[in-house]
Amino acid sequence: MICPKCGSENVTIEMVQTSGKTKKHGNGLGGHVNNAARGLTAACTLGMSNLLWKKSKGNEKTSFNTQKICLCQSCGNSWNIK
Protein backbone atom coordinates (compact mmCIF):
# COMPACT_ATOMS: atom_id res chain seq x y z
CA MET A 1 0.00 0.00 0.00
CA ILE A 2 1.22 3.49 -0.83
CA CYS A 3 0.33 6.68 1.03
CA PRO A 4 -1.58 9.08 -1.27
CA LYS A 5 -0.08 12.12 0.49
CA CYS A 6 3.68 11.41 0.64
CA GLY A 7 4.08 8.24 -1.48
CA SER A 8 5.68 6.20 1.33
CA GLU A 9 5.17 2.43 1.55
CA ASN A 10 5.51 2.44 5.37
CA VAL A 11 1.74 2.01 5.95
CA THR A 12 -0.14 0.00 8.59
CA ILE A 13 -3.72 -1.24 8.37
CA GLU A 14 -5.88 -1.34 11.52
CA MET A 15 -9.42 -2.40 12.36
CA VAL A 16 -11.00 0.40 14.45
CA GLN A 17 -14.37 0.34 16.25
CA THR A 18 -16.33 3.33 15.03
CA SER A 19 -19.70 3.00 16.78
CA GLY A 20 -21.76 0.74 18.98
CA LYS A 21 -25.45 0.17 19.56
CA THR A 22 -27.16 -1.55 22.49
CA LYS A 23 -30.54 -3.23 22.11
CA LYS A 24 -32.57 -4.05 25.22
CA HIS A 25 -35.09 -6.88 25.13
CA GLY A 26 -37.87 -7.27 27.68
CA ASN A 27 -38.68 -10.16 29.97
CA GLY A 28 -41.31 -11.85 27.83
CA LEU A 29 -44.10 -14.00 29.26
CA GLY A 30 -41.72 -16.37 31.11
CA GLY A 31 -40.01 -13.49 32.89
CA HIS A 32 -43.30 -11.93 34.00
CA VAL A 33 -44.55 -15.28 35.33
CA ASN A 34 -41.23 -15.73 37.16
CA ASN A 35 -41.52 -12.28 38.76
CA ALA A 36 -45.15 -12.91 39.78
CA ALA A 37 -44.24 -16.27 41.38
CA ARG A 38 -41.29 -14.59 43.11
CA GLY A 39 -43.58 -11.92 44.56
CA LEU A 40 -46.12 -14.46 45.81
CA THR A 41 -43.39 -16.57 47.42
CA ALA A 42 -41.89 -13.47 49.02
CA ALA A 43 -45.25 -12.56 50.55
CA CYS A 44 -45.59 -16.08 52.01
CA THR A 45 -42.05 -16.20 53.43
CA LEU A 46 -42.00 -12.57 54.67
CA GLY A 47 -39.39 -11.59 52.07
CA MET A 48 -36.78 -14.21 53.01
CA SER A 49 -37.03 -15.91 49.58
CA ASN A 50 -35.82 -12.71 47.89
CA LEU A 51 -32.35 -13.38 49.28
CA LEU A 52 -32.00 -16.38 46.93
CA TRP A 53 -34.46 -15.79 44.07
CA LYS A 54 -33.49 -12.82 41.90
CA LYS A 55 -35.75 -10.74 39.68
CA SER A 56 -35.79 -11.24 35.88
CA LYS A 57 -34.46 -8.06 34.26
CA GLY A 58 -34.36 -8.85 30.52
CA ASN A 59 -31.44 -9.04 28.11
CA GLU A 60 -29.11 -6.58 26.42
CA LYS A 61 -27.17 -7.13 23.21
CA THR A 62 -24.43 -4.78 22.01
CA SER A 63 -23.14 -4.70 18.44
CA PHE A 64 -20.12 -2.75 17.18
CA ASN A 65 -19.27 -1.40 13.72
CA THR A 66 -15.65 -1.63 12.57
CA GLN A 67 -13.73 0.05 9.75
CA LYS A 68 -10.38 -0.60 8.10
CA ILE A 69 -8.13 2.45 8.45
CA CYS A 70 -4.68 2.90 6.91
CA LEU A 71 -2.10 4.97 8.76
CA CYS A 72 1.10 6.23 7.17
CA GLN A 73 4.03 5.87 9.57
CA SER A 74 6.03 8.58 7.79
CA CYS A 75 3.64 11.56 7.55
CA GLY A 76 0.74 10.50 9.86
CA ASN A 77 -1.93 10.64 7.14
CA SER A 78 -4.90 8.30 7.68
CA TRP A 79 -7.65 7.17 5.29
CA ASN A 80 -10.47 4.62 5.12
CA ILE A 81 -10.41 1.48 2.98
CA LYS A 82 -13.69 0.43 1.41
C-alpha atoms as a PDB file:
ATOM      1  CA  MET A   1       0.000   0.000   0.000  1.00  0.00           C
ATOM      2  CA  ILE A   2       1.220   3.486  -0.832  1.00  0.00           C
ATOM      3  CA  CYS A   3       0.332   6.684   1.027  1.00  0.00           C
ATOM      4  CA  PRO A   4      -1.579   9.076  -1.266  1.00  0.00           C
ATOM      5  CA  LYS A   5      -0.083  12.121   0.494  1.00  0.00           C
ATOM      6  CA  CYS A   6       3.677  11.408   0.643  1.00  0.00           C
ATOM      7  CA  GLY A   7       4.083   8.244  -1.479  1.00  0.00           C
ATOM      8  CA  SER A   8       5.677   6.202   1.325  1.00  0.00           C
ATOM      9  CA  GLU A   9       5.173   2.427   1.553  1.00  0.00           C
ATOM     10  CA  ASN A  10       5.509   2.442   5.366  1.00  0.00           C
ATOM     11  CA  VAL A  11       1.739   2.011   5.952  1.00  0.00           C
ATOM     12  CA  THR A  12      -0.136   0.002   8.594  1.00  0.00           C
ATOM     13  CA  ILE A  13      -3.722  -1.236   8.368  1.00  0.00           C
ATOM     14  CA  GLU A  14      -5.876  -1.344  11.517  1.00  0.00           C
ATOM     15  CA  MET A  15      -9.422  -2.395  12.357  1.00  0.00           C
ATOM     16  CA  VAL A  16     -11.001   0.399  14.445  1.00  0.00           C
ATOM     17  CA  GLN A  17     -14.368   0.336  16.253  1.00  0.00           C
ATOM     18  CA  THR A  18     -16.331   3.326  15.032  1.00  0.00           C
ATOM     19  CA  SER A  19     -19.702   3.004  16.780  1.00  0.00           C
ATOM     20  CA  GLY A  20     -21.762   0.742  18.984  1.00  0.00           C
ATOM     21  CA  LYS A  21     -25.451   0.167  19.563  1.00  0.00           C
ATOM     22  CA  THR A  22     -27.163  -1.548  22.492  1.00  0.00           C
ATOM     23  CA  LYS A  23     -30.542  -3.227  22.106  1.00  0.00           C
ATOM     24  CA  LYS A  24     -32.571  -4.050  25.221  1.00  0.00           C
ATOM     25  CA  HIS A  25     -35.089  -6.875  25.128  1.00  0.00           C
ATOM     26  CA  GLY A  26     -37.871  -7.267  27.684  1.00  0.00           C
ATOM     27  CA  ASN A  27     -38.678 -10.164  29.969  1.00  0.00           C
ATOM     28  CA  GLY A  28     -41.315 -11.850  27.826  1.00  0.00           C
ATOM     29  CA  LEU A  29     -44.096 -14.000  29.256  1.00  0.00           C
ATOM     30  CA  GLY A  30     -41.724 -16.366  31.107  1.00  0.00           C
ATOM     31  CA  GLY A  31     -40.007 -13.492  32.891  1.00  0.00           C
ATOM     32  CA  HIS A  32     -43.298 -11.930  33.995  1.00  0.00           C
ATOM     33  CA  VAL A  33     -44.548 -15.277  35.332  1.00  0.00           C
ATOM     34  CA  ASN A  34     -41.226 -15.726  37.157  1.00  0.00           C
ATOM     35  CA  ASN A  35     -41.521 -12.276  38.761  1.00  0.00           C
ATOM     36  CA  ALA A  36     -45.147 -12.914  39.785  1.00  0.00           C
ATOM     37  CA  ALA A  37     -44.238 -16.269  41.384  1.00  0.00           C
ATOM     38  CA  ARG A  38     -41.287 -14.594  43.115  1.00  0.00           C
ATOM     39  CA  GLY A  39     -43.579 -11.920  44.556  1.00  0.00           C
ATOM     40  CA  LEU A  40     -46.123 -14.460  45.807  1.00  0.00           C
ATOM     41  CA  THR A  41     -43.391 -16.575  47.422  1.00  0.00           C
ATOM     42  CA  ALA A  42     -41.891 -13.466  49.021  1.00  0.00           C
ATOM     43  CA  ALA A  43     -45.253 -12.561  50.551  1.00  0.00           C
ATOM     44  CA  CYS A  44     -45.587 -16.078  52.013  1.00  0.00           C
ATOM     45  CA  THR A  45     -42.046 -16.197  53.426  1.00  0.00           C
ATOM     46  CA  LEU A  46     -42.004 -12.571  54.668  1.00  0.00           C
ATOM     47  CA  GLY A  47     -39.388 -11.592  52.070  1.00  0.00           C
ATOM     48  CA  MET A  48     -36.781 -14.211  53.006  1.00  0.00           C
ATOM     49  CA  SER A  49     -37.033 -15.913  49.583  1.00  0.00           C
ATOM     50  CA  ASN A  50     -35.817 -12.710  47.895  1.00  0.00           C
ATOM     51  CA  LEU A  51     -32.346 -13.385  49.278  1.00  0.00           C
ATOM     52  CA  LEU A  52     -32.001 -16.379  46.933  1.00  0.00           C
ATOM     53  CA  TRP A  53     -34.463 -15.788  44.067  1.00  0.00           C
ATOM     54  CA  LYS A  54     -33.491 -12.822  41.903  1.00  0.00           C
ATOM     55  CA  LYS A  55     -35.752 -10.745  39.676  1.00  0.00           C
ATOM     56  CA  SER A  56     -35.789 -11.238  35.875  1.00  0.00           C
ATOM     57  CA  LYS A  57     -34.458  -8.061  34.258  1.00  0.00           C
ATOM     58  CA  GLY A  58     -34.360  -8.853  30.518  1.00  0.00           C
ATOM     59  CA  ASN A  59     -31.440  -9.045  28.112  1.00  0.00           C
ATOM     60  CA  GLU A  60     -29.106  -6.582  26.420  1.00  0.00           C
ATOM     61  CA  LYS A  61     -27.167  -7.134  23.208  1.00  0.00           C
ATOM     62  CA  THR A  62     -24.426  -4.780  22.007  1.00  0.00           C
ATOM     63  CA  SER A  63     -23.140  -4.698  18.441  1.00  0.00           C
ATOM     64  CA  PHE A  64     -20.115  -2.749  17.178  1.00  0.00           C
ATOM     65  CA  ASN A  65     -19.272  -1.401  13.720  1.00  0.00           C
ATOM     66  CA  THR A  66     -15.650  -1.627  12.570  1.00  0.00           C
ATOM     67  CA  GLN A  67     -13.729   0.053   9.753  1.00  0.00           C
ATOM     68  CA  LYS A  68     -10.381  -0.596   8.102  1.00  0.00           C
ATOM     69  CA  ILE A  69      -8.133   2.448   8.452  1.00  0.00           C
ATOM     70  CA  CYS A  70      -4.681   2.897   6.911  1.00  0.00           C
ATOM     71  CA  LEU A  71      -2.103   4.973   8.762  1.00  0.00           C
ATOM     72  CA  CYS A  72       1.101   6.232   7.166  1.00  0.00           C
ATOM     73  CA  GLN A  73       4.029   5.870   9.574  1.00  0.00           C
ATOM     74  CA  SER A  74       6.026   8.582   7.790  1.00  0.00           C
ATOM     75  CA  CYS A  75       3.638  11.558   7.548  1.00  0.00           C
ATOM     76  CA  GLY A  76       0.737  10.500   9.857  1.00  0.00           C
ATOM     77  CA  ASN A  77      -1.929  10.639   7.144  1.00  0.00           C
ATOM     78  CA  SER A  78      -4.900   8.296   7.682  1.00  0.00           C
ATOM     79  CA  TRP A  79      -7.645   7.171   5.289  1.00  0.00           C
ATOM     80  CA  ASN A  80     -10.467   4.624   5.122  1.00  0.00           C
ATOM     81  CA  ILE A  81     -10.413   1.477   2.981  1.00  0.00           C
ATOM     82  CA  LYS A  82     -13.695   0.435   1.410  1.00  0.00           C
END
